Amino acid sequence: MRPSSPALVVIVATAILALSGAAHADVQGTCKAAAGIDSRISYKFCVSKLSNHHLSPDADTRGLALIAASLGISNAEDTVFEFKGLVAKPGTGTKAKPLLARCQELYNEMSFAFAEGYDRINARSYAAGKEKVGEAIPLAHQCDDAFAKAAIPSPLVQCSWCSVQMSIICTAITNLIK
């Protein structure tokens, strides 16, 4: 027995909806799963950053990992400009200037690490992508440690925290890719 045309339309529409739903990842669910993989992840930060990205509503898990890497790039690049501004700012102490310049270099390296991680995840070379994205963490810590060693409060602690979060979020989401 052949299904009637309206029944066939309903079957096809249901199949399309089911398949399209499987292709898209839920940001909240993905962030919850990522936080389950790595307890250092701030669930609220993950949801806030990923859900505010214009591509996240249509992204699958791989797409969300790529978004996390691209947000890491943006954060690192923004931080480089923050350091440049602080170096040029009148009144910046002579002890702080070389630290700021060094951190500017470290965050520039971080931007490239996130970009290389993005490219590798995009090419489905997940282990290599996670390795590159993971390089952001020691780079952020090197900057923080330089300020601590000089007994000068780091002016951009929040940028460091965000960079570390984007690295571990990207890594954890990449681990979720099937």
C-alpha atoms as a PDB file:
ATOM      1  CA  MET A   1       0.000   0.000   0.000  1.00  0.00           C
ATOM      2  CA  ARG A   2       1.354   3.407  -1.011  1.00  0.00           C
ATOM      3  CA  PRO A   3       1.098   6.301   1.430  1.00  0.00           C
ATOM      4  CA  SER A   4      -1.097   9.175   0.319  1.00  0.00           C
ATOM      5  CA  SER A   5       0.528  12.432  -0.776  1.00  0.00           C
ATOM      6  CA  PRO A   6      -0.245  14.295   2.492  1.00  0.00           C
ATOM      7  CA  ALA A   7       1.097  11.350   4.514  1.00  0.00           C
ATOM      8  CA  LEU A   8       4.233  11.286   2.382  1.00  0.00           C
ATOM      9  CA  VAL A   9       4.716  15.030   2.937  1.00  0.00           C
ATOM     10  CA  VAL A  10       4.392  14.534   6.713  1.00  0.00           C
ATOM     11  CA  ILE A  11       6.881  11.637   6.660  1.00  0.00           C
ATOM     12  CA  VAL A  12       9.401  13.616   4.585  1.00  0.00           C
ATOM     13  CA  ALA A  13       8.980  16.752   6.717  1.00  0.00           C
ATOM     14  CA  THR A  14       9.442  14.743   9.927  1.00  0.00           C
ATOM     15  CA  ALA A  15      12.562  13.091   8.527  1.00  0.00           C
ATOM     16  CA  ILE A  16      14.004  16.450   7.480  1.00  0.00           C
ATOM     17  CA  LEU A  17      13.313  17.933  10.912  1.00  0.00           C
ATOM     18  CA  ALA A  18      14.835  14.930  12.646  1.00  0.00           C
ATOM     19  CA  LEU A  19      17.939  15.054  10.485  1.00  0.00           C
ATOM     20  CA  SER A  20      18.361  18.807  10.802  1.00  0.00           C
ATOM     21  CA  GLY A  21      18.003  18.586  14.581  1.00  0.00           C
ATOM     22  CA  ALA A  22      20.733  15.977  14.700  1.00  0.00           C
ATOM     23  CA  ALA A  23      23.074  18.228  12.756  1.00  0.00           C
ATOM     24  CA  HIS A  24      22.830  21.167  15.161  1.00  0.00           C
ATOM     25  CA  ALA A  25      24.371  21.224  18.605  1.00  0.00           C
ATOM     26  CA  ASP A  26      22.623  22.850  21.520  1.00  0.00           C
ATOM     27  CA  VAL A  27      24.954  25.439  23.119  1.00  0.00           C
ATOM     28  CA  GLN A  28      23.670  24.821  26.645  1.00  0.00           C
ATOM     29  CA  GLY A  29      23.897  21.048  26.295  1.00  0.00           C
ATOM     30  CA  THR A  30      27.323  21.251  24.684  1.00  0.00           C
ATOM     31  CA  CYS A  31      28.654  23.555  27.410  1.00  0.00           C
ATOM     32  CA  LYS A  32      27.186  21.274  30.083  1.00  0.00           C
ATOM     33  CA  ALA A  33      28.874  18.249  28.491  1.00  0.00           C
ATOM     34  CA  ALA A  34      32.148  20.182  28.130  1.00  0.00           C
ATOM     35  CA  ALA A  35      32.023  21.208  31.802  1.00  0.00           C
ATOM     36  CA  GLY A  36      31.463  17.542  32.618  1.00  0.00           C
ATOM     37  CA  ILE A  37      34.695  16.711  30.789  1.00  0.00           C
ATOM     38  CA  ASP A  38      36.738  19.495  32.404  1.00  0.00           C
ATOM     39  CA  SER A  39      35.659  20.943  35.749  1.00  0.00           C
ATOM     40  CA  ARG A  40      37.707  24.116  35.131  1.00  0.00           C
ATOM     41  CA  ILE A  41      35.126  25.248  32.584  1.00  0.00           C
ATOM     42  CA  SER A  42      32.768  27.996  33.654  1.00  0.00           C
ATOM     43  CA  TYR A  43      29.416  26.827  32.301  1.00  0.00           C
ATOM     44  CA  LYS A  44      27.953  30.354  32.375  1.00  0.00           C
ATOM     45  CA  PHE A  45      30.948  31.789  30.513  1.00  0.00           C
ATOM     46  CA  CYS A  46      30.784  29.002  27.932  1.00  0.00           C
ATOM     47  CA  VAL A  47      27.074  29.538  27.280  1.00  0.00           C
ATOM     48  CA  SER A  48      27.429  33.317  27.220  1.00  0.00           C
ATOM     49  CA  LYS A  49      30.309  33.360  24.753  1.00  0.00           C
ATOM     50  CA  LEU A  50      29.086  30.638  22.411  1.00  0.00           C
ATOM     51  CA  SER A  51      25.429  31.631  22.341  1.00  0.00           C
ATOM     52  CA  ASN A  52      26.320  35.236  21.512  1.00  0.00           C
ATOM     53  CA  HIS A  53      28.189  34.186  18.383  1.00  0.00           C
ATOM     54  CA  HIS A  54      26.139  34.689  15.227  1.00  0.00           C
ATOM     55  CA  LEU A  55      26.974  31.222  13.843  1.00  0.00           C
ATOM     56  CA  SER A  56      26.128  29.214  16.965  1.00  0.00           C
ATOM     57  CA  PRO A  57      22.411  28.615  16.267  1.00  0.00           C
ATOM     58  CA  ASP A  58      23.271  26.585  13.161  1.00  0.00           C
ATOM     59  CA  ALA A  59      26.503  25.008  14.423  1.00  0.00           C
ATOM     60  CA  ASP A  60      27.100  21.344  15.073  1.00  0.00           C
ATOM     61  CA  THR A  61      29.587  20.246  17.751  1.00  0.00           C
ATOM     62  CA  ARG A  62      32.553  20.750  15.419  1.00  0.00           C
ATOM     63  CA  GLY A  63      31.194  24.195  14.547  1.00  0.00           C
ATOM     64  CA  LEU A  64      31.005  25.107  18.237  1.00  0.00           C
ATOM     65  CA  ALA A  65      34.619  23.982  18.705  1.00  0.00           C
ATOM     66  CA  LEU A  66      35.582  26.225  15.776  1.00  0.00           C
ATOM     67  CA  ILE A  67      33.625  29.115  17.286  1.00  0.00           C
ATOM     68  CA  ALA A  68      35.473  28.622  20.592  1.00  0.00           C
ATOM     69  CA  ALA A  69      38.813  28.699  18.744  1.00  0.00           C
ATOM     70  CA  SER A  70      37.813  31.840  16.845  1.00  0.00           C
ATOM     71  CA  LEU A  71      36.763  33.507  20.103  1.00  0.00           C
ATOM     72  CA  GLY A  72      40.191  32.588  21.480  1.00  0.00           C
ATOM     73  CA  ILE A  73      41.803  34.308  18.501  1.00  0.00           C
ATOM     74  CA  SER A  74      39.688  37.436  19.032  1.00  0.00           C
ATOM     75  CA  ASN A  75      40.396  37.565  22.758  1.00  0.00           C
ATOM     76  CA  ALA A  76      44.147  37.193  22.206  1.00  0.00           C
ATOM     77  CA  GLU A  77      44.187  39.862  19.494  1.00  0.00           C
ATOM     78  CA  ASP A  78      42.147  42.254  21.643  1.00  0.00           C
ATOM     79  CA  THR A  79      44.562  41.671  24.512  1.00  0.00           C
ATOM     80  CA  VAL A  80      47.554  42.447  22.262  1.00  0.00           C
ATOM     81  CA  PHE A  81      45.980  45.845  21.539  1.00  0.00           C
ATOM     82  CA  GLU A  82      45.311  46.370  25.257  1.00  0.00           C
ATOM     83  CA  PHE A  83      48.990  45.726  26.018  1.00  0.00           C
ATOM     84  CA  LYS A  84      50.069  48.055  23.191  1.00  0.00           C
ATOM     85  CA  GLY A  85      47.873  50.774  24.642  1.00  0.00           C
ATOM     86  CA  LEU A  86      49.267  50.273  28.138  1.00  0.00           C
ATOM     87  CA  VAL A  87      52.868  50.403  26.858  1.00  0.00           C
ATOM     88  CA  ALA A  88      52.150  53.708  25.086  1.00  0.00           C
ATOM     89  CA  LYS A  89      50.131  55.169  27.954  1.00  0.00           C
ATOM     90  CA  PRO A  90      51.852  58.061  29.728  1.00  0.00           C
ATOM     91  CA  GLY A  91      52.513  57.185  33.327  1.00  0.00           C
ATOM     92  CA  THR A  92      53.092  53.492  32.746  1.00  0.00           C
ATOM     93  CA  GLY A  93      55.965  52.564  35.027  1.00  0.00           C
ATOM     94  CA  THR A  94      59.374  51.746  33.628  1.00  0.00           C
ATOM     95  CA  LYS A  95      59.257  48.399  35.436  1.00  0.00           C
ATOM     96  CA  ALA A  96      55.928  47.507  33.823  1.00  0.00           C
ATOM     97  CA  LYS A  97      56.757  48.437  30.211  1.00  0.00           C
ATOM     98  CA  PRO A  98      59.037  45.474  29.434  1.00  0.00           C
ATOM     99  CA  LEU A  99      56.515  43.124  31.064  1.00  0.00           C
ATOM    100  CA  LEU A 100      53.725  44.575  28.972  1.00  0.00           C
ATOM    101  CA  ALA A 101      55.838  44.271  25.821  1.00  0.00           C
ATOM    102  CA  ARG A 102      56.663  40.638  26.656  1.00  0.00           C
ATOM    103  CA  CYS A 103      53.002  39.840  27.310  1.00  0.00           C
ATOM    104  CA  GLN A 104      52.106  41.477  24.023  1.00  0.00           C
ATOM    105  CA  GLU A 105      54.463  38.994  22.313  1.00  0.00           C
ATOM    106  CA  LEU A 106      52.998  36.076  24.283  1.00  0.00           C
ATOM    107  CA  TYR A 107      49.426  36.986  23.367  1.00  0.00           C
ATOM    108  CA  ASN A 108      50.436  37.429  19.746  1.00  0.00           C
ATOM    109  CA  GLU A 109      51.818  33.854  19.867  1.00  0.00           C
ATOM    110  CA  MET A 110      48.566  32.803  21.525  1.00  0.00           C
ATOM    111  CA  SER A 111      46.547  34.284  18.682  1.00  0.00           C
ATOM    112  CA  PHE A 112      48.557  32.194  16.208  1.00  0.00           C
ATOM    113  CA  ALA A 113      48.164  29.075  18.377  1.00  0.00           C
ATOM    114  CA  PHE A 114      44.378  29.495  18.410  1.00  0.00           C
ATOM    115  CA  ALA A 115      44.407  30.141  14.642  1.00  0.00           C
ATOM    116  CA  GLU A 116      46.470  27.018  13.964  1.00  0.00           C
ATOM    117  CA  GLY A 117      44.172  25.053  16.263  1.00  0.00           C
ATOM    118  CA  TYR A 118      41.169  26.380  14.344  1.00  0.00           C
ATOM    119  CA  ASP A 119      42.704  25.319  11.036  1.00  0.00           C
ATOM    120  CA  ARG A 120      43.494  21.830  12.311  1.00  0.00           C
ATOM    121  CA  ILE A 121      40.057  21.297  13.846  1.00  0.00           C
ATOM    122  CA  ASN A 122      38.526  22.565  10.621  1.00  0.00           C
ATOM    123  CA  ALA A 123      40.624  19.988   8.742  1.00  0.00           C
ATOM    124  CA  ARG A 124      39.325  17.327  11.165  1.00  0.00           C
ATOM    125  CA  SER A 125      42.768  16.800  12.673  1.00  0.00           C
ATOM    126  CA  TYR A 126      41.305  16.990  16.161  1.00  0.00           C
ATOM    127  CA  ALA A 127      44.284  15.863  18.248  1.00  0.00           C
ATOM    128  CA  ALA A 128      46.569  18.387  16.537  1.00  0.00           C
ATOM    129  CA  GLY A 129      43.933  21.102  16.909  1.00  0.00           C
ATOM    130  CA  LYS A 130      43.553  20.465  20.634  1.00  0.00           C
ATOM    131  CA  GLU A 131      47.323  20.510  21.048  1.00  0.00           C
ATOM    132  CA  LYS A 132      47.638  23.908  19.350  1.00  0.00           C
ATOM    133  CA  VAL A 133      44.707  25.428  21.254  1.00  0.00           C
ATOM    134  CA  GLY A 134      46.200  24.055  24.468  1.00  0.00           C
ATOM    135  CA  GLU A 135      49.295  26.194  23.932  1.00  0.00           C
ATOM    136  CA  ALA A 136      47.259  29.227  25.012  1.00  0.00           C
ATOM    137  CA  ILE A 137      47.247  28.162  28.661  1.00  0.00           C
ATOM    138  CA  PRO A 138      51.011  28.244  29.329  1.00  0.00           C
ATOM    139  CA  LEU A 139      51.313  31.467  27.311  1.00  0.00           C
ATOM    140  CA  ALA A 140      48.710  33.163  29.517  1.00  0.00           C
ATOM    141  CA  HIS A 141      50.410  31.802  32.640  1.00  0.00           C
ATOM    142  CA  GLN A 142      53.824  33.046  31.476  1.00  0.00           C
ATOM    143  CA  CYS A 143      52.412  36.564  31.258  1.00  0.00           C
ATOM    144  CA  ASP A 144      50.748  36.357  34.669  1.00  0.00           C
ATOM    145  CA  ASP A 145      53.887  34.857  36.208  1.00  0.00           C
ATOM    146  CA  ALA A 146      56.088  37.645  34.833  1.00  0.00           C
ATOM    147  CA  PHE A 147      53.958  40.242  36.595  1.00  0.00           C
ATOM    148  CA  ALA A 148      53.852  38.197  39.805  1.00  0.00           C
ATOM    149  CA  LYS A 149      57.637  37.756  39.788  1.00  0.00           C
ATOM    150  CA  ALA A 150      58.081  41.525  39.428  1.00  0.00           C
ATOM    151  CA  ALA A 151      55.538  42.076  42.239  1.00  0.00           C
ATOM    152  CA  ILE A 152      53.366  44.145  39.914  1.00  0.00           C
ATOM    153  CA  PRO A 153      49.644  43.385  39.647  1.00  0.00           C
ATOM    154  CA  SER A 154      48.785  42.212  36.157  1.00  0.00           C
ATOM    155  CA  PRO A 155      46.525  44.782  34.509  1.00  0.00           C
ATOM    156  CA  LEU A 156      44.724  42.216  32.371  1.00  0.00           C
ATOM    157  CA  VAL A 157      43.993  39.256  34.650  1.00  0.00           C
ATOM    158  CA  GLN A 158      40.498  38.925  33.163  1.00  0.00           C
ATOM    159  CA  CYS A 159      41.936  38.591  29.641  1.00  0.00           C
ATOM    160  CA  SER A 160      44.180  35.800  30.865  1.00  0.00           C
ATOM    161  CA  TRP A 161      41.265  33.998  32.490  1.00  0.00           C
ATOM    162  CA  CYS A 162      39.179  34.330  29.304  1.00  0.00           C
ATOM    163  CA  SER A 163      42.014  32.948  27.173  1.00  0.00           C
ATOM    164  CA  VAL A 164      42.434  29.934  29.433  1.00  0.00           C
ATOM    165  CA  GLN A 165      38.666  29.359  29.434  1.00  0.00           C
ATOM    166  CA  MET A 166      38.458  29.494  25.629  1.00  0.00           C
ATOM    167  CA  SER A 167      41.322  27.014  25.377  1.00  0.00           C
ATOM    168  CA  ILE A 168      39.786  24.470  27.730  1.00  0.00           C
ATOM    169  CA  ILE A 169      36.282  25.000  26.290  1.00  0.00           C
ATOM    170  CA  CYS A 170      37.556  24.449  22.744  1.00  0.00           C
ATOM    171  CA  THR A 171      39.481  21.351  23.814  1.00  0.00           C
ATOM    172  CA  ALA A 172      36.551  19.857  25.715  1.00  0.00           C
ATOM    173  CA  ILE A 173      34.075  20.533  22.889  1.00  0.00           C
ATOM    174  CA  THR A 174      36.505  19.016  20.395  1.00  0.00           C
ATOM    175  CA  ASN A 175      36.527  15.909  22.608  1.00  0.00           C
ATOM    176  CA  LEU A 176      32.749  15.735  22.117  1.00  0.00           C
ATOM    177  CA  ILE A 177      32.961  15.515  18.331  1.00  0.00           C
ATOM    178  CA  LYS A 178      31.715  12.148  17.124  1.00  0.00           C
END
